[in-house]
Amino acid sequence: MTGSDEFSLGSAQRAESEGRLAEWVLDFLKSPGSDNEPLAADLAFSDAVYVGPIRFELDRLTPMAGPDEDEVVVPVAEEDWESDVEAMKHSVDQGWHPPPLLVSHRDGQYFLEDGNHRYETLRRNGASHAWAILVLADEAKRDANSAETGPEGSTE
């Protein structure tokens, strides 16, 4: 929620235009604030394809939290969650634009992989859409998904 442009919507858009979106996503996931190195590691060794940033309808997302399978999910104290969301809400009210959400597509559904606090903040502020980066398993998934999301990737 700083003024830094390192992991902003603008830097994600620049990374996409320069063909570096995958690198941007992995660096963002490993950065303080996201702290999602397990997801970054999983994506680094996959054939994932990244689409975006695109405008994405929040109601189409299924929020997720915690690592997959047998990993231990650490509960977040309600007061910590609320404090983080309120701090982001204040920043949004002051003009901050959060980095794009990270969204995956599996079995016909869209899952929020990274950005639960940003998602909740935007919902509380009345947003219906957010900027997102769509993570797809491979090129074939991207081609199949483009018909569903439209020519620009937007779900508006």
C-alpha atoms as a PDB file:
ATOM      1  CA  MET A   1       0.000   0.000   0.000  1.00  0.00           C
ATOM      2  CA  THR A   2       2.955   2.210  -0.524  1.00  0.00           C
ATOM      3  CA  GLY A   3       3.490   4.611  -3.340  1.00  0.00           C
ATOM      4  CA  SER A   4       5.897   2.136  -4.936  1.00  0.00           C
ATOM      5  CA  ASP A   5       5.291   1.299  -8.567  1.00  0.00           C
ATOM      6  CA  GLU A   6       7.239  -1.982  -8.418  1.00  0.00           C
ATOM      7  CA  PHE A   7       4.072  -4.087  -8.078  1.00  0.00           C
ATOM      8  CA  SER A   8       1.251  -1.918  -9.348  1.00  0.00           C
ATOM      9  CA  LEU A   9      -1.329  -2.211 -12.101  1.00  0.00           C
ATOM     10  CA  GLY A  10       0.897  -0.019 -14.281  1.00  0.00           C
ATOM     11  CA  SER A  11       3.970  -2.169 -13.734  1.00  0.00           C
ATOM     12  CA  ALA A  12       1.951  -5.317 -14.519  1.00  0.00           C
ATOM     13  CA  GLN A  13       0.678  -3.718 -17.736  1.00  0.00           C
ATOM     14  CA  ARG A  14       4.236  -2.722 -18.705  1.00  0.00           C
ATOM     15  CA  ALA A  15       5.488  -6.232 -17.940  1.00  0.00           C
ATOM     16  CA  GLU A  16       2.771  -7.686 -20.168  1.00  0.00           C
ATOM     17  CA  SER A  17       3.616  -5.339 -23.042  1.00  0.00           C
ATOM     18  CA  GLU A  18       7.311  -6.262 -22.697  1.00  0.00           C
ATOM     19  CA  GLY A  19       6.621 -10.014 -22.572  1.00  0.00           C
ATOM     20  CA  ARG A  20       7.645 -10.265 -18.900  1.00  0.00           C
ATOM     21  CA  LEU A  21       4.275 -10.907 -17.224  1.00  0.00           C
ATOM     22  CA  ALA A  22       5.250 -14.377 -15.943  1.00  0.00           C
ATOM     23  CA  GLU A  23       8.369 -12.900 -14.329  1.00  0.00           C
ATOM     24  CA  TRP A  24       6.316 -10.045 -12.810  1.00  0.00           C
ATOM     25  CA  VAL A  25       3.800 -12.503 -11.302  1.00  0.00           C
ATOM     26  CA  LEU A  26       6.513 -14.695  -9.762  1.00  0.00           C
ATOM     27  CA  ASP A  27       8.401 -11.697  -8.346  1.00  0.00           C
ATOM     28  CA  PHE A  28       5.178 -10.229  -6.963  1.00  0.00           C
ATOM     29  CA  LEU A  29       4.201 -13.495  -5.252  1.00  0.00           C
ATOM     30  CA  LYS A  30       7.609 -13.647  -3.537  1.00  0.00           C
ATOM     31  CA  SER A  31       7.491 -10.009  -2.402  1.00  0.00           C
ATOM     32  CA  PRO A  32       6.632  -8.718   1.081  1.00  0.00           C
ATOM     33  CA  GLY A  33       2.909  -8.151   1.285  1.00  0.00           C
ATOM     34  CA  SER A  34       2.008 -11.019  -1.004  1.00  0.00           C
ATOM     35  CA  ASP A  35       4.304 -13.480   0.780  1.00  0.00           C
ATOM     36  CA  ASN A  36       3.093 -16.322  -1.409  1.00  0.00           C
ATOM     37  CA  GLU A  37       6.345 -18.099  -2.231  1.00  0.00           C
ATOM     38  CA  PRO A  38       4.732 -21.580  -2.311  1.00  0.00           C
ATOM     39  CA  LEU A  39       2.424 -20.475  -5.141  1.00  0.00           C
ATOM     40  CA  ALA A  40       5.341 -18.775  -6.924  1.00  0.00           C
ATOM     41  CA  ALA A  41       7.325 -22.021  -6.722  1.00  0.00           C
ATOM     42  CA  ASP A  42       4.416 -24.060  -8.079  1.00  0.00           C
ATOM     43  CA  LEU A  43       3.920 -21.670 -10.991  1.00  0.00           C
ATOM     44  CA  ALA A  44       7.647 -21.449 -11.765  1.00  0.00           C
ATOM     45  CA  PHE A  45       7.718 -25.149 -12.595  1.00  0.00           C
ATOM     46  CA  SER A  46       4.507 -25.252 -14.609  1.00  0.00           C
ATOM     47  CA  ASP A  47       3.537 -24.481 -18.175  1.00  0.00           C
ATOM     48  CA  ALA A  48       1.264 -21.695 -16.937  1.00  0.00           C
ATOM     49  CA  VAL A  49       0.188 -18.987 -19.345  1.00  0.00           C
ATOM     50  CA  TYR A  50      -0.675 -15.519 -18.024  1.00  0.00           C
ATOM     51  CA  VAL A  51      -3.389 -13.296 -19.497  1.00  0.00           C
ATOM     52  CA  GLY A  52      -3.896  -9.718 -18.486  1.00  0.00           C
ATOM     53  CA  PRO A  53      -4.179  -7.575 -16.636  1.00  0.00           C
ATOM     54  CA  ILE A  54      -7.879  -7.700 -17.513  1.00  0.00           C
ATOM     55  CA  ARG A  55     -10.990  -6.297 -15.848  1.00  0.00           C
ATOM     56  CA  PHE A  56     -12.686  -9.172 -14.057  1.00  0.00           C
ATOM     57  CA  GLU A  57     -16.111  -9.407 -12.433  1.00  0.00           C
ATOM     58  CA  LEU A  58     -15.705 -10.027  -8.687  1.00  0.00           C
ATOM     59  CA  ASP A  59     -18.890 -12.106  -8.459  1.00  0.00           C
ATOM     60  CA  ARG A  60     -17.350 -14.704 -10.776  1.00  0.00           C
ATOM     61  CA  LEU A  61     -14.512 -15.430  -8.325  1.00  0.00           C
ATOM     62  CA  THR A  62     -14.307 -18.166  -5.726  1.00  0.00           C
ATOM     63  CA  PRO A  63     -11.935 -16.926  -2.979  1.00  0.00           C
ATOM     64  CA  MET A  64      -9.337 -19.423  -1.760  1.00  0.00           C
ATOM     65  CA  ALA A  65      -6.715 -19.306   0.951  1.00  0.00           C
ATOM     66  CA  GLY A  66      -3.907 -21.525   2.105  1.00  0.00           C
ATOM     67  CA  PRO A  67      -1.708 -24.112   0.428  1.00  0.00           C
ATOM     68  CA  ASP A  68      -3.057 -27.203  -1.308  1.00  0.00           C
ATOM     69  CA  GLU A  69      -3.158 -30.798  -0.160  1.00  0.00           C
ATOM     70  CA  ASP A  70      -1.526 -31.751   3.134  1.00  0.00           C
ATOM     71  CA  GLU A  71       0.047 -28.383   3.889  1.00  0.00           C
ATOM     72  CA  VAL A  72      -1.080 -26.760   7.095  1.00  0.00           C
ATOM     73  CA  VAL A  73      -3.280 -23.706   6.706  1.00  0.00           C
ATOM     74  CA  VAL A  74      -2.463 -21.127   9.342  1.00  0.00           C
ATOM     75  CA  PRO A  75      -5.572 -19.329  10.583  1.00  0.00           C
ATOM     76  CA  VAL A  76      -5.508 -15.547  10.521  1.00  0.00           C
ATOM     77  CA  ALA A  77      -6.826 -13.812  13.609  1.00  0.00           C
ATOM     78  CA  GLU A  78      -9.995 -11.840  12.839  1.00  0.00           C
ATOM     79  CA  GLU A  79      -8.472  -8.642  14.222  1.00  0.00           C
ATOM     80  CA  ASP A  80      -5.415  -9.028  11.944  1.00  0.00           C
ATOM     81  CA  TRP A  81      -7.627  -9.646   8.904  1.00  0.00           C
ATOM     82  CA  GLU A  82      -9.820  -6.633   9.695  1.00  0.00           C
ATOM     83  CA  SER A  83      -6.805  -4.431  10.378  1.00  0.00           C
ATOM     84  CA  ASP A  84      -5.241  -5.338   7.018  1.00  0.00           C
ATOM     85  CA  VAL A  85      -8.495  -4.840   5.090  1.00  0.00           C
ATOM     86  CA  GLU A  86      -9.214  -1.520   6.821  1.00  0.00           C
ATOM     87  CA  ALA A  87      -5.676  -0.285   6.079  1.00  0.00           C
ATOM     88  CA  MET A  88      -6.135  -1.184   2.407  1.00  0.00           C
ATOM     89  CA  LYS A  89      -9.590   0.414   2.363  1.00  0.00           C
ATOM     90  CA  HIS A  90      -8.074   3.639   3.709  1.00  0.00           C
ATOM     91  CA  SER A  91      -5.365   3.494   1.030  1.00  0.00           C
ATOM     92  CA  VAL A  92      -7.952   2.928  -1.720  1.00  0.00           C
ATOM     93  CA  ASP A  93      -9.930   5.882  -0.360  1.00  0.00           C
ATOM     94  CA  GLN A  94      -6.717   7.936  -0.700  1.00  0.00           C
ATOM     95  CA  GLY A  95      -6.323   6.946  -4.374  1.00  0.00           C
ATOM     96  CA  TRP A  96      -4.237   3.755  -4.159  1.00  0.00           C
ATOM     97  CA  HIS A  97      -4.903   1.211  -6.886  1.00  0.00           C
ATOM     98  CA  PRO A  98      -4.077  -2.311  -5.687  1.00  0.00           C
ATOM     99  CA  PRO A  99      -2.036  -4.716  -7.800  1.00  0.00           C
ATOM    100  CA  PRO A 100      -4.059  -7.111  -9.959  1.00  0.00           C
ATOM    101  CA  LEU A 101      -5.648 -10.157  -8.366  1.00  0.00           C
ATOM    102  CA  LEU A 102      -4.274 -13.533  -9.451  1.00  0.00           C
ATOM    103  CA  VAL A 103      -7.041 -15.780 -10.798  1.00  0.00           C
ATOM    104  CA  SER A 104      -6.950 -19.381 -12.053  1.00  0.00           C
ATOM    105  CA  HIS A 105      -9.508 -21.227 -14.167  1.00  0.00           C
ATOM    106  CA  ARG A 106     -10.297 -24.872 -13.441  1.00  0.00           C
ATOM    107  CA  ASP A 107     -13.338 -27.014 -14.119  1.00  0.00           C
ATOM    108  CA  GLY A 108     -15.301 -24.074 -15.494  1.00  0.00           C
ATOM    109  CA  GLN A 109     -14.763 -21.913 -12.397  1.00  0.00           C
ATOM    110  CA  TYR A 110     -12.511 -18.976 -11.543  1.00  0.00           C
ATOM    111  CA  PHE A 111     -10.516 -19.153  -8.310  1.00  0.00           C
ATOM    112  CA  LEU A 112      -8.819 -16.295  -6.488  1.00  0.00           C
ATOM    113  CA  GLU A 113      -5.275 -17.585  -5.967  1.00  0.00           C
ATOM    114  CA  ASP A 114      -3.719 -14.429  -4.553  1.00  0.00           C
ATOM    115  CA  GLY A 115      -5.329 -11.212  -3.379  1.00  0.00           C
ATOM    116  CA  ASN A 116      -7.908 -12.120  -0.731  1.00  0.00           C
ATOM    117  CA  HIS A 117      -7.352  -8.868   1.191  1.00  0.00           C
ATOM    118  CA  ARG A 118      -7.494  -6.799  -2.020  1.00  0.00           C
ATOM    119  CA  TYR A 119     -10.638  -8.661  -3.107  1.00  0.00           C
ATOM    120  CA  GLU A 120     -12.379  -8.034   0.226  1.00  0.00           C
ATOM    121  CA  THR A 121     -11.297  -4.388   0.249  1.00  0.00           C
ATOM    122  CA  LEU A 122     -12.667  -3.799  -3.244  1.00  0.00           C
ATOM    123  CA  ARG A 123     -15.959  -5.540  -2.410  1.00  0.00           C
ATOM    124  CA  ARG A 124     -16.381  -3.426   0.724  1.00  0.00           C
ATOM    125  CA  ASN A 125     -15.754  -0.325  -1.378  1.00  0.00           C
ATOM    126  CA  GLY A 126     -18.592  -1.360  -3.681  1.00  0.00           C
ATOM    127  CA  ALA A 127     -16.492  -2.434  -6.665  1.00  0.00           C
ATOM    128  CA  SER A 128     -18.054  -4.915  -9.080  1.00  0.00           C
ATOM    129  CA  HIS A 129     -14.851  -5.496 -11.073  1.00  0.00           C
ATOM    130  CA  ALA A 130     -11.123  -5.598 -10.393  1.00  0.00           C
ATOM    131  CA  TRP A 131      -7.968  -5.843 -12.411  1.00  0.00           C
ATOM    132  CA  ALA A 132      -6.775  -9.439 -12.539  1.00  0.00           C
ATOM    133  CA  ILE A 133      -4.151 -11.632 -14.121  1.00  0.00           C
ATOM    134  CA  LEU A 134      -5.589 -14.914 -15.304  1.00  0.00           C
ATOM    135  CA  VAL A 135      -3.345 -17.953 -14.834  1.00  0.00           C
ATOM    136  CA  LEU A 136      -4.116 -20.786 -17.233  1.00  0.00           C
ATOM    137  CA  ALA A 137      -2.562 -24.249 -17.314  1.00  0.00           C
ATOM    138  CA  ASP A 138      -1.213 -23.922 -20.869  1.00  0.00           C
ATOM    139  CA  GLU A 139      -1.671 -22.321 -24.301  1.00  0.00           C
ATOM    140  CA  ALA A 140      -4.644 -24.576 -25.145  1.00  0.00           C
ATOM    141  CA  LYS A 141      -6.462 -23.403 -22.000  1.00  0.00           C
ATOM    142  CA  ARG A 142      -5.759 -19.790 -22.973  1.00  0.00           C
ATOM    143  CA  ASP A 143      -7.228 -20.320 -26.434  1.00  0.00           C
ATOM    144  CA  ALA A 144     -10.321 -22.060 -25.014  1.00  0.00           C
ATOM    145  CA  ASN A 145     -10.769 -19.393 -22.352  1.00  0.00           C
ATOM    146  CA  SER A 146     -10.522 -16.447 -24.749  1.00  0.00           C
ATOM    147  CA  ALA A 147     -13.954 -17.273 -26.170  1.00  0.00           C
ATOM    148  CA  GLU A 148     -15.466 -17.058 -22.677  1.00  0.00           C
ATOM    149  CA  THR A 149     -13.758 -13.845 -21.559  1.00  0.00           C
ATOM    150  CA  GLY A 150     -14.049 -11.959 -24.850  1.00  0.00           C
ATOM    151  CA  PRO A 151     -11.550 -10.434 -27.263  1.00  0.00           C
ATOM    152  CA  GLU A 152      -9.865  -8.189 -24.691  1.00  0.00           C
ATOM    153  CA  GLY A 153     -10.096 -10.716 -21.865  1.00  0.00           C
ATOM    154  CA  SER A 154     -12.666  -8.598 -20.064  1.00  0.00           C
ATOM    155  CA  THR A 155     -15.559 -10.206 -18.222  1.00  0.00           C
ATOM    156  CA  GLU A 156     -17.517  -6.952 -18.115  1.00  0.00           C
END
